Amino acid sequence: MGFAHLWVQDHFLYALSQSGEYGGSASAQPKAYESVFGPTELLAAVAAWTESIELGTSILVGGNHWPAPLAQRLSTIDQLSGGRLTTVGFGAGWSHEEHQAVGVDPRTRGRRMDDFVPALLACWGADPVRHDGPFFTIAPSLIRPKPLRRPKLMSGMWSAKGLVRTARDFDLWNPGSMPIRQVVDTLGEINEMREPGRAPVGAIYRVALESTAGKRLTVDEVAERTLEAAGAGLEGVIVETNFCSEIQSGGDWMELLKRLAPVLDAARS
């Protein structure tokens, strides 16, 4: 069909009684989150089923994972796919229940992320690997396989502290369906905080065909947003289909993707 990437999201439980606010456009979690395939397992399957399309994550919740075993799982996917795992996105997460289920205090999720990325990158670096941080300790070790090339790290964080982390630790930022002008302005603020001499943080824009609140964009509107993102110099556009109410099967999803041909035309132009 002409899509460049297939990306996954990350949720493993749907709390029936939710203590934290859902971090989306609706007042509560969308029904689509009642069942979500495991992200690394799904990417491993797609790596085997495909030959050329690139793979990524938007977004892995840092609190759902531990950096050393996750580094190995992601490297395995990259090796199995022949180096097609190009982008790994991370966010601090919003679900208190998910954090509690894996033994992570949700109050520490931001500070934990500050240590998570350096630990993950250490695992992808030269052996022997060693990391001593406030949350993670990795004794001098051989950690293999390594990725064929290090995936770009993408931040899905929005708070003031999250934007500081983005400037310090990430290669890309993943804004949602805000106005493109606002994306460009915020990206400028991020790069003003960037350490001198480092490549600037880029952005991959995310546009939901249907939002979690049920707001629907037409295919032409998504194509227009894609042209606008390209004109602003953004690196790419994710078309989010997770919440489209008509999708009840894999076949429904494929039919929807066929209708997105004008968006692909806009991207190519």
C-alpha atoms as a PDB file:
ATOM      1  CA  MET A   1       0.000   0.000   0.000  1.00  0.00           C
ATOM      2  CA  GLY A   2       2.952   2.333   0.408  1.00  0.00           C
ATOM      3  CA  PHE A   3       3.118   2.885   4.158  1.00  0.00           C
ATOM      4  CA  ALA A   4       6.657   3.333   5.465  1.00  0.00           C
ATOM      5  CA  HIS A   5       6.272   2.114   9.046  1.00  0.00           C
ATOM      6  CA  LEU A   6       4.084  -0.018  11.306  1.00  0.00           C
ATOM      7  CA  TRP A   7       4.131   1.058  14.944  1.00  0.00           C
ATOM      8  CA  VAL A   8       2.604  -0.345  18.142  1.00  0.00           C
ATOM      9  CA  GLN A   9       1.296   0.981  21.462  1.00  0.00           C
ATOM     10  CA  ASP A  10       1.642  -0.352  25.005  1.00  0.00           C
ATOM     11  CA  HIS A  11      -1.103  -1.172  27.519  1.00  0.00           C
ATOM     12  CA  PHE A  12      -1.576  -4.450  29.355  1.00  0.00           C
ATOM     13  CA  LEU A  13      -4.584  -3.906  31.614  1.00  0.00           C
ATOM     14  CA  TYR A  14      -7.843  -1.971  31.596  1.00  0.00           C
ATOM     15  CA  ALA A  15      -8.636  -0.825  35.122  1.00  0.00           C
ATOM     16  CA  LEU A  16     -12.322  -1.208  35.968  1.00  0.00           C
ATOM     17  CA  SER A  17     -11.885   1.429  38.670  1.00  0.00           C
ATOM     18  CA  GLN A  18      -9.385   4.066  37.613  1.00  0.00           C
ATOM     19  CA  SER A  19      -7.527   6.153  40.208  1.00  0.00           C
ATOM     20  CA  GLY A  20      -5.506   8.357  37.853  1.00  0.00           C
ATOM     21  CA  GLU A  21      -6.750  10.531  35.006  1.00  0.00           C
ATOM     22  CA  TYR A  22      -6.658   9.019  31.532  1.00  0.00           C
ATOM     23  CA  GLY A  23      -4.065  10.844  29.446  1.00  0.00           C
ATOM     24  CA  GLY A  24      -6.106  11.270  26.271  1.00  0.00           C
ATOM     25  CA  SER A  25      -8.858  13.337  24.704  1.00  0.00           C
ATOM     26  CA  ALA A  26     -11.718  11.528  26.468  1.00  0.00           C
ATOM     27  CA  SER A  27     -12.715  11.474  30.140  1.00  0.00           C
ATOM     28  CA  ALA A  28     -12.038   7.730  30.467  1.00  0.00           C
ATOM     29  CA  GLN A  29     -10.019   5.034  28.733  1.00  0.00           C
ATOM     30  CA  PRO A  30     -11.206   4.108  25.236  1.00  0.00           C
ATOM     31  CA  LYS A  31     -12.823   0.707  24.739  1.00  0.00           C
ATOM     32  CA  ALA A  32      -9.988  -0.233  22.333  1.00  0.00           C
ATOM     33  CA  TYR A  33      -7.676  -0.477  25.351  1.00  0.00           C
ATOM     34  CA  GLU A  34      -9.656  -3.418  26.757  1.00  0.00           C
ATOM     35  CA  SER A  35      -7.415  -5.717  24.682  1.00  0.00           C
ATOM     36  CA  VAL A  36      -3.991  -4.702  23.381  1.00  0.00           C
ATOM     37  CA  PHE A  37      -1.413  -7.186  22.083  1.00  0.00           C
ATOM     38  CA  GLY A  38       1.986  -7.097  23.785  1.00  0.00           C
ATOM     39  CA  PRO A  39       4.102  -4.586  21.836  1.00  0.00           C
ATOM     40  CA  THR A  40       7.422  -6.413  21.572  1.00  0.00           C
ATOM     41  CA  GLU A  41       5.765  -9.754  20.844  1.00  0.00           C
ATOM     42  CA  LEU A  42       3.656  -8.156  18.126  1.00  0.00           C
ATOM     43  CA  LEU A  43       6.675  -6.445  16.559  1.00  0.00           C
ATOM     44  CA  ALA A  44       8.557  -9.757  16.559  1.00  0.00           C
ATOM     45  CA  ALA A  45       5.678 -11.355  14.654  1.00  0.00           C
ATOM     46  CA  VAL A  46       5.512  -8.469  12.174  1.00  0.00           C
ATOM     47  CA  ALA A  47       9.290  -8.722  11.696  1.00  0.00           C
ATOM     48  CA  ALA A  48       8.769 -12.331  10.583  1.00  0.00           C
ATOM     49  CA  TRP A  49       5.695 -11.606   8.449  1.00  0.00           C
ATOM     50  CA  THR A  50       7.207  -8.714   6.476  1.00  0.00           C
ATOM     51  CA  GLU A  51      10.341  -7.962   4.516  1.00  0.00           C
ATOM     52  CA  SER A  52      10.736  -4.211   4.054  1.00  0.00           C
ATOM     53  CA  ILE A  53       8.383  -2.092   6.171  1.00  0.00           C
ATOM     54  CA  GLU A  54      10.070  -0.357   9.112  1.00  0.00           C
ATOM     55  CA  LEU A  55       8.957  -0.882  12.714  1.00  0.00           C
ATOM     56  CA  GLY A  56       8.549   1.321  15.749  1.00  0.00           C
ATOM     57  CA  THR A  57       6.747   2.008  19.003  1.00  0.00           C
ATOM     58  CA  SER A  58       4.491   4.915  19.926  1.00  0.00           C
ATOM     59  CA  ILE A  59       4.569   4.852  22.907  1.00  0.00           C
ATOM     60  CA  LEU A  60       6.102   2.320  25.331  1.00  0.00           C
ATOM     61  CA  VAL A  61       5.228   3.192  28.925  1.00  0.00           C
ATOM     62  CA  GLY A  62       8.498   3.369  30.841  1.00  0.00           C
ATOM     63  CA  GLY A  63       6.910   2.079  34.031  1.00  0.00           C
ATOM     64  CA  ASN A  64       5.720  -1.104  32.305  1.00  0.00           C
ATOM     65  CA  HIS A  65       9.291  -2.194  31.593  1.00  0.00           C
ATOM     66  CA  TRP A  66      12.787  -2.659  32.961  1.00  0.00           C
ATOM     67  CA  PRO A  67      15.619  -1.365  30.770  1.00  0.00           C
ATOM     68  CA  ALA A  68      17.988  -4.346  30.570  1.00  0.00           C
ATOM     69  CA  PRO A  69      15.485  -7.052  29.488  1.00  0.00           C
ATOM     70  CA  LEU A  70      13.658  -4.550  27.277  1.00  0.00           C
ATOM     71  CA  ALA A  71      16.933  -3.636  25.568  1.00  0.00           C
ATOM     72  CA  GLN A  72      17.457  -7.318  24.730  1.00  0.00           C
ATOM     73  CA  ARG A  73      13.893  -7.764  23.422  1.00  0.00           C
ATOM     74  CA  LEU A  74      14.156  -4.690  21.203  1.00  0.00           C
ATOM     75  CA  SER A  75      17.590  -5.730  19.917  1.00  0.00           C
ATOM     76  CA  THR A  76      16.188  -9.177  19.109  1.00  0.00           C
ATOM     77  CA  ILE A  77      13.397  -7.567  17.054  1.00  0.00           C
ATOM     78  CA  ASP A  78      15.944  -5.410  15.236  1.00  0.00           C
ATOM     79  CA  GLN A  79      18.105  -8.444  14.466  1.00  0.00           C
ATOM     80  CA  LEU A  80      15.146 -10.577  13.322  1.00  0.00           C
ATOM     81  CA  SER A  81      13.920  -7.787  11.046  1.00  0.00           C
ATOM     82  CA  GLY A  82      17.332  -7.054   9.520  1.00  0.00           C
ATOM     83  CA  GLY A  83      17.665  -3.637  11.169  1.00  0.00           C
ATOM     84  CA  ARG A  84      14.116  -2.388  10.587  1.00  0.00           C
ATOM     85  CA  LEU A  85      13.386  -1.254  14.172  1.00  0.00           C
ATOM     86  CA  THR A  86      13.978   2.433  13.508  1.00  0.00           C
ATOM     87  CA  THR A  87      12.172   4.248  16.339  1.00  0.00           C
ATOM     88  CA  VAL A  88      11.448   3.447  19.978  1.00  0.00           C
ATOM     89  CA  GLY A  89       9.084   5.840  21.719  1.00  0.00           C
ATOM     90  CA  PHE A  90       8.734   6.224  25.474  1.00  0.00           C
ATOM     91  CA  GLY A  91       6.342   8.021  27.773  1.00  0.00           C
ATOM     92  CA  ALA A  92       6.047   8.272  31.534  1.00  0.00           C
ATOM     93  CA  GLY A  93       2.519   6.812  31.451  1.00  0.00           C
ATOM     94  CA  TRP A  94      -0.739   7.779  33.171  1.00  0.00           C
ATOM     95  CA  SER A  95      -2.262   4.548  34.495  1.00  0.00           C
ATOM     96  CA  HIS A  96      -1.640   4.161  38.232  1.00  0.00           C
ATOM     97  CA  GLU A  97      -3.028   0.627  38.073  1.00  0.00           C
ATOM     98  CA  GLU A  98      -0.555  -0.498  35.398  1.00  0.00           C
ATOM     99  CA  HIS A  99       2.358   0.885  37.407  1.00  0.00           C
ATOM    100  CA  GLN A 100       1.143  -0.789  40.588  1.00  0.00           C
ATOM    101  CA  ALA A 101       0.678  -4.116  38.770  1.00  0.00           C
ATOM    102  CA  VAL A 102       4.390  -4.212  37.864  1.00  0.00           C
ATOM    103  CA  GLY A 103       5.564  -2.980  41.253  1.00  0.00           C
ATOM    104  CA  VAL A 104       6.354   0.609  40.248  1.00  0.00           C
ATOM    105  CA  ASP A 105       5.275   3.558  42.393  1.00  0.00           C
ATOM    106  CA  PRO A 106       3.459   5.859  39.932  1.00  0.00           C
ATOM    107  CA  ARG A 107       4.695   8.872  41.907  1.00  0.00           C
ATOM    108  CA  THR A 108       8.246   8.054  40.790  1.00  0.00           C
ATOM    109  CA  ARG A 109       7.521   7.575  37.074  1.00  0.00           C
ATOM    110  CA  GLY A 110       9.208  10.785  35.922  1.00  0.00           C
ATOM    111  CA  ARG A 111      12.370  10.330  38.000  1.00  0.00           C
ATOM    112  CA  ARG A 112      12.445   6.656  36.993  1.00  0.00           C
ATOM    113  CA  MET A 113      12.413   7.722  33.333  1.00  0.00           C
ATOM    114  CA  ASP A 114      15.456   9.931  34.009  1.00  0.00           C
ATOM    115  CA  ASP A 115      17.389   6.760  34.871  1.00  0.00           C
ATOM    116  CA  PHE A 116      15.603   4.441  32.421  1.00  0.00           C
ATOM    117  CA  VAL A 117      16.979   5.933  29.192  1.00  0.00           C
ATOM    118  CA  PRO A 118      20.667   5.995  30.261  1.00  0.00           C
ATOM    119  CA  ALA A 119      20.354   2.386  31.457  1.00  0.00           C
ATOM    120  CA  LEU A 120      18.765   1.291  28.171  1.00  0.00           C
ATOM    121  CA  LEU A 121      21.420   3.063  26.099  1.00  0.00           C
ATOM    122  CA  ALA A 122      24.158   1.503  28.215  1.00  0.00           C
ATOM    123  CA  CYS A 123      22.782  -1.946  27.302  1.00  0.00           C
ATOM    124  CA  TRP A 124      23.004  -1.053  23.607  1.00  0.00           C
ATOM    125  CA  GLY A 125      26.558   0.224  23.998  1.00  0.00           C
ATOM    126  CA  ALA A 126      29.848  -1.609  24.027  1.00  0.00           C
ATOM    127  CA  ASP A 127      30.361  -4.585  26.329  1.00  0.00           C
ATOM    128  CA  PRO A 128      31.011  -4.846  29.176  1.00  0.00           C
ATOM    129  CA  VAL A 129      27.885  -2.914  30.110  1.00  0.00           C
ATOM    130  CA  ARG A 130      27.660  -1.232  33.492  1.00  0.00           C
ATOM    131  CA  HIS A 131      25.127   1.190  34.949  1.00  0.00           C
ATOM    132  CA  ASP A 132      24.727   2.574  38.459  1.00  0.00           C
ATOM    133  CA  GLY A 133      21.728   4.832  38.894  1.00  0.00           C
ATOM    134  CA  PRO A 134      19.105   5.755  41.466  1.00  0.00           C
ATOM    135  CA  PHE A 135      16.606   3.224  40.061  1.00  0.00           C
ATOM    136  CA  PHE A 136      18.610   0.678  38.042  1.00  0.00           C
ATOM    137  CA  THR A 137      21.886  -1.117  38.702  1.00  0.00           C
ATOM    138  CA  ILE A 138      23.503  -3.283  36.034  1.00  0.00           C
ATOM    139  CA  ALA A 139      26.636  -5.107  37.139  1.00  0.00           C
ATOM    140  CA  PRO A 140      29.491  -5.339  34.594  1.00  0.00           C
ATOM    141  CA  SER A 141      27.932  -7.660  32.025  1.00  0.00           C
ATOM    142  CA  LEU A 142      27.764  -8.821  28.451  1.00  0.00           C
ATOM    143  CA  ILE A 143      24.313  -7.874  27.164  1.00  0.00           C
ATOM    144  CA  ARG A 144      23.563  -9.217  23.704  1.00  0.00           C
ATOM    145  CA  PRO A 145      22.373  -9.087  21.003  1.00  0.00           C
ATOM    146  CA  LYS A 146      22.917  -5.440  20.143  1.00  0.00           C
ATOM    147  CA  PRO A 147      20.742  -3.658  17.583  1.00  0.00           C
ATOM    148  CA  LEU A 148      22.222  -3.559  14.097  1.00  0.00           C
ATOM    149  CA  ARG A 149      21.897   0.223  14.403  1.00  0.00           C
ATOM    150  CA  ARG A 150      20.633   2.080  17.420  1.00  0.00           C
ATOM    151  CA  PRO A 151      16.962   3.006  16.990  1.00  0.00           C
ATOM    152  CA  LYS A 152      16.093   6.650  17.439  1.00  0.00           C
ATOM    153  CA  LEU A 153      14.506   7.382  20.796  1.00  0.00           C
ATOM    154  CA  MET A 154      11.248   9.325  20.653  1.00  0.00           C
ATOM    155  CA  SER A 155       9.602  11.112  23.569  1.00  0.00           C
ATOM    156  CA  GLY A 156       5.866  11.118  24.057  1.00  0.00           C
ATOM    157  CA  MET A 157       6.116  13.457  27.042  1.00  0.00           C
ATOM    158  CA  TRP A 158       4.292  16.796  27.267  1.00  0.00           C
ATOM    159  CA  SER A 159       4.817  18.267  30.742  1.00  0.00           C
ATOM    160  CA  ALA A 160       7.415  20.953  31.438  1.00  0.00           C
ATOM    161  CA  LYS A 161       9.697  18.351  33.032  1.00  0.00           C
ATOM    162  CA  GLY A 162       8.947  15.946  30.190  1.00  0.00           C
ATOM    163  CA  LEU A 163      10.085  18.509  27.610  1.00  0.00           C
ATOM    164  CA  VAL A 164      13.336  18.948  29.563  1.00  0.00           C
ATOM    165  CA  ARG A 165      13.823  15.165  29.402  1.00  0.00           C
ATOM    166  CA  THR A 166      13.059  15.250  25.697  1.00  0.00           C
ATOM    167  CA  ALA A 167      15.753  17.857  25.093  1.00  0.00           C
ATOM    168  CA  ARG A 168      18.290  15.946  27.170  1.00  0.00           C
ATOM    169  CA  ASP A 169      17.706  12.280  26.281  1.00  0.00           C
ATOM    170  CA  PHE A 170      15.746  11.897  23.035  1.00  0.00           C
ATOM    171  CA  ASP A 171      16.154  12.226  19.266  1.00  0.00           C
ATOM    172  CA  LEU A 172      12.494  12.858  18.411  1.00  0.00           C
ATOM    173  CA  TRP A 173       9.316  14.252  19.937  1.00  0.00           C
ATOM    174  CA  ASN A 174       5.852  12.787  19.279  1.00  0.00           C
ATOM    175  CA  PRO A 175       3.168  15.485  19.578  1.00  0.00           C
ATOM    176  CA  GLY A 176      -0.475  14.649  19.092  1.00  0.00           C
ATOM    177  CA  SER A 177      -3.089  16.464  17.075  1.00  0.00           C
ATOM    178  CA  MET A 178      -2.211  19.983  18.204  1.00  0.00           C
ATOM    179  CA  PRO A 179      -1.887  22.767  15.616  1.00  0.00           C
ATOM    180  CA  ILE A 180       1.289  22.389  13.555  1.00  0.00           C
ATOM    181  CA  ARG A 181       2.337  25.946  14.476  1.00  0.00           C
ATOM    182  CA  GLN A 182       2.243  24.960  18.140  1.00  0.00           C
ATOM    183  CA  VAL A 183       4.354  21.880  17.378  1.00  0.00           C
ATOM    184  CA  VAL A 184       6.985  24.019  15.668  1.00  0.00           C
ATOM    185  CA  ASP A 185       7.029  26.533  18.529  1.00  0.00           C
ATOM    186  CA  THR A 186       7.328  23.823  21.203  1.00  0.00           C
ATOM    187  CA  LEU A 187      10.017  22.037  19.211  1.00  0.00           C
ATOM    188  CA  GLY A 188      11.934  25.324  19.166  1.00  0.00           C
ATOM    189  CA  GLU A 189      11.667  25.507  22.968  1.00  0.00           C
ATOM    190  CA  ILE A 190      12.903  21.924  23.258  1.00  0.00           C
ATOM    191  CA  ASN A 191      15.926  22.642  21.085  1.00  0.00           C
ATOM    192  CA  GLU A 192      16.745  25.808  23.005  1.00  0.00           C
ATOM    193  CA  MET A 193      17.269  23.469  25.980  1.00  0.00           C
ATOM    194  CA  ARG A 194      19.353  21.047  23.901  1.00  0.00           C
ATOM    195  CA  GLU A 195      23.032  20.659  24.748  1.00  0.00           C
ATOM    196  CA  PRO A 196      25.119  22.660  22.238  1.00  0.00           C
ATOM    197  CA  GLY A 197      26.659  20.615  19.457  1.00  0.00           C
ATOM    198  CA  ARG A 198      24.042  17.864  19.485  1.00  0.00           C
ATOM    199  CA  ALA A 199      21.746  17.245  16.530  1.00  0.00           C
ATOM    200  CA  PRO A 200      18.394  18.974  17.069  1.00  0.00           C
ATOM    201  CA  VAL A 201      15.359  17.034  18.243  1.00  0.00           C
ATOM    202  CA  GLY A 202      12.961  16.339  15.374  1.00  0.00           C
ATOM    203  CA  ALA A 203       9.240  15.621  15.490  1.00  0.00           C
ATOM    204  CA  ILE A 204       6.975  12.895  14.182  1.00  0.00           C
ATOM    205  CA  TYR A 205       3.418  14.198  14.259  1.00  0.00           C
ATOM    206  CA  ARG A 206       0.523  11.982  15.301  1.00  0.00           C
ATOM    207  CA  VAL A 207      -2.941  12.568  13.863  1.00  0.00           C
ATOM    208  CA  ALA A 208      -5.896  10.453  14.971  1.00  0.00           C
ATOM    209  CA  LEU A 209      -8.369   9.561  12.265  1.00  0.00           C
ATOM    210  CA  GLU A 210     -10.833   9.213  15.147  1.00  0.00           C
ATOM    211  CA  SER A 211      -9.975  10.611  18.570  1.00  0.00           C
ATOM    212  CA  THR A 212     -10.642   8.857  21.855  1.00  0.00           C
ATOM    213  CA  ALA A 213     -13.517  11.332  22.328  1.00  0.00           C
ATOM    214  CA  GLY A 214     -15.065  10.220  19.017  1.00  0.00           C
ATOM    215  CA  LYS A 215     -14.095  13.256  16.923  1.00  0.00           C
ATOM    216  CA  ARG A 216     -13.615  12.095  13.329  1.00  0.00           C
ATOM    217  CA  LEU A 217     -11.378  13.640  10.681  1.00  0.00           C
ATOM    218  CA  THR A 218     -11.964  13.044   7.000  1.00  0.00           C
ATOM    219  CA  VAL A 219      -9.233  11.456   4.908  1.00  0.00           C
ATOM    220  CA  ASP A 220      -8.828  14.789   3.103  1.00  0.00           C
ATOM    221  CA  GLU A 221      -8.326  16.569   6.434  1.00  0.00           C
ATOM    222  CA  VAL A 222      -5.623  14.071   7.400  1.00  0.00           C
ATOM    223  CA  ALA A 223      -3.976  14.596   3.994  1.00  0.00           C
ATOM    224  CA  GLU A 224      -4.031  18.365   4.534  1.00  0.00           C
ATOM    225  CA  ARG A 225      -2.470  17.922   7.990  1.00  0.00           C
ATOM    226  CA  THR A 226       0.212  15.713   6.417  1.00  0.00           C
ATOM    227  CA  LEU A 227       1.075  18.367   3.839  1.00  0.00           C
ATOM    228  CA  GLU A 228       1.226  20.987   6.573  1.00  0.00           C
ATOM    229  CA  ALA A 229       3.536  18.811   8.694  1.00  0.00           C
ATOM    230  CA  ALA A 230       5.846  18.237   5.729  1.00  0.00           C
ATOM    231  CA  GLY A 231       5.882  21.965   4.950  1.00  0.00           C
ATOM    232  CA  ALA A 232       6.901  22.673   8.554  1.00  0.00           C
ATOM    233  CA  GLY A 233       9.876  20.325   8.242  1.00  0.00           C
ATOM    234  CA  LEU A 234       8.577  17.579  10.541  1.00  0.00           C
ATOM    235  CA  GLU A 235      10.107  14.159  10.006  1.00  0.00           C
ATOM    236  CA  GLY A 236       6.932  12.139   9.578  1.00  0.00           C
ATOM    237  CA  VAL A 237       3.264  11.623  10.371  1.00  0.00           C
ATOM    238  CA  ILE A 238       1.628   8.744  12.216  1.00  0.00           C
ATOM    239  CA  VAL A 239      -1.962   8.109  11.188  1.00  0.00           C
ATOM    240  CA  GLU A 240      -3.611   6.780  14.334  1.00  0.00           C
ATOM    241  CA  THR A 241      -6.384   4.275  13.568  1.00  0.00           C
ATOM    242  CA  ASN A 242      -6.620   2.528  16.955  1.00  0.00           C
ATOM    243  CA  PHE A 243      -9.846   4.246  17.961  1.00  0.00           C
ATOM    244  CA  CYS A 244     -11.815   4.046  14.714  1.00  0.00           C
ATOM    245  CA  SER A 245     -15.166   2.623  15.770  1.00  0.00           C
ATOM    246  CA  GLU A 246     -15.777   0.700  12.545  1.00  0.00           C
ATOM    247  CA  ILE A 247     -12.748  -1.559  13.069  1.00  0.00           C
ATOM    248  CA  GLN A 248     -13.941  -4.897  14.426  1.00  0.00           C
ATOM    249  CA  SER A 249     -11.478  -7.172  12.623  1.00  0.00           C
ATOM    250  CA  GLY A 250      -8.183  -7.241  10.781  1.00  0.00           C
ATOM    251  CA  GLY A 251     -10.100  -7.079   7.516  1.00  0.00           C
ATOM    252  CA  ASP A 252     -11.862  -3.884   8.633  1.00  0.00           C
ATOM    253  CA  TRP A 253      -8.482  -2.324   9.407  1.00  0.00           C
ATOM    254  CA  MET A 254      -7.070  -3.243   5.999  1.00  0.00           C
ATOM    255  CA  GLU A 255     -10.101  -1.741   4.258  1.00  0.00           C
ATOM    256  CA  LEU A 256      -9.633   1.467   6.233  1.00  0.00           C
ATOM    257  CA  LEU A 257      -5.964   1.628   5.249  1.00  0.00           C
ATOM    258  CA  LYS A 258      -6.932   1.381   1.567  1.00  0.00           C
ATOM    259  CA  ARG A 259      -9.053   4.510   1.988  1.00  0.00           C
ATOM    260  CA  LEU A 260      -6.004   6.422   3.239  1.00  0.00           C
ATOM    261  CA  ALA A 261      -4.424   6.493  -0.246  1.00  0.00           C
ATOM    262  CA  PRO A 262      -4.830  10.319  -0.473  1.00  0.00           C
ATOM    263  CA  VAL A 263      -2.738  10.664   2.690  1.00  0.00           C
ATOM    264  CA  LEU A 264       0.055   8.622   1.112  1.00  0.00           C
ATOM    265  CA  ASP A 265      -0.185  10.749  -2.017  1.00  0.00           C
ATOM    266  CA  ALA A 266       0.182  13.876   0.149  1.00  0.00           C
ATOM    267  CA  ALA A 267       3.230  12.406   1.883  1.00  0.00           C
ATOM    268  CA  ARG A 268       4.890  11.506  -1.408  1.00  0.00           C
ATOM    269  CA  SER A 269       4.225  14.938  -2.893  1.00  0.00           C
END
